[in-house]
């Protein structure tokens, strides 16, 4: 990956404004958590926090469920991503506390923290003997009150929904940091997706939509499409705040955001994918194609590749064996790379072409050889073009 989540920007642009807009009774409840839950620890197996008293539990239950769900996500994000930190510094025999402000990248290594503290102390020439950081603490400095608020709130929200999160059925639904988490698992692995707010009404709606859509990304988009813009932002964080690291190549997961800014009014850029698979059968004449495999297919890893794998982590070399599906080598398999775009409104062909002209050179630069236009969830299309690749 050549990108990383920008905690600072997410805190400034999403979490901090949302926290400032929370109702007074929610802020007061958060303050109670700070005062009463600082020393609480999670249970060993369930990872749940105990409520310190009945009064606090009643206060959580007094909040309307949807309001509690939204506030939970806000408070957890605000606390987790906060870049205000505290450094306790031993300075020539004296112990002083230095506040590390929001302009500091709190996810940098410790030596960066030392540079910052020296600047704050206005003495960059302090020697190691004169200067020592006892500890540096970042984020929510009130005993982890952000994640503790979320832990307690999720317990209340799960009870409202009639959910027991300790049961690992598939599919299953539960509150996770105020959001409705959809869990799927089988013998090959598992997936989690946050698709809406954790309320009984939202869960019932999500279950109905899932039976129809069978796709978490489509489910989330359908669930949140009528949410206020500020609420929608909590479900697109991994897309909107993954910033490209300068000096590195763009990978396929980053390209949709790179292109999106140029076609904002016309399209939603969803992903980049390989299409139009082709195989050169000069070695085998196609006689080795396995039953059920199409003539033109992607290169397929097989048992021989696994035999050649090496290293502490499984490391596969595609060229170490021929395709398991047809017997041709890796370099006999080719494909095109397409950018997938969904219409944000009904477009004429002229409007679509004008938008695509804006990204034509950028597409060529990144090896994009075509554009695909699957139907949007709202049913918007290009006049005369239906689920096509051009």
Foldseek 3Di string as FASTA:
>chain_A
DQWDFDLLCCLVPFQVVVLVPQDPLLVVLLVVLLVQVLPWFADDPPRFTDDSDVVSLVSLVVDDLLSLLLSLLSLLSNQVSAFWKWWFKQAQNDTDIDIDHSVQDVVDDPVSVVCSVCVVVVHNPDDPVRMDTPDMGGGRPSNSSSVNSQSSNQVSLCVQQVHDVVDDDAFDWGRGSQFIWTKHDDPVGIDIAGQGGRHNVLVVVLVVVCVVPVDRVLRSCVSCVPPPPSSNCSRCSVLPRTDGNPPDDDDFSNVQVVLCVLQVQWWRFDTKDWDDKAFDCPPPVQPQADPPDDRGDAQADDPQQQVVFDDPDTDGDQQSAGRPGGRHGNVRMDTAMETEIETPAAEEPVVVVVSCVSCVVVCVVVRHDWYFYAYDPVRHDYVPDYRDID
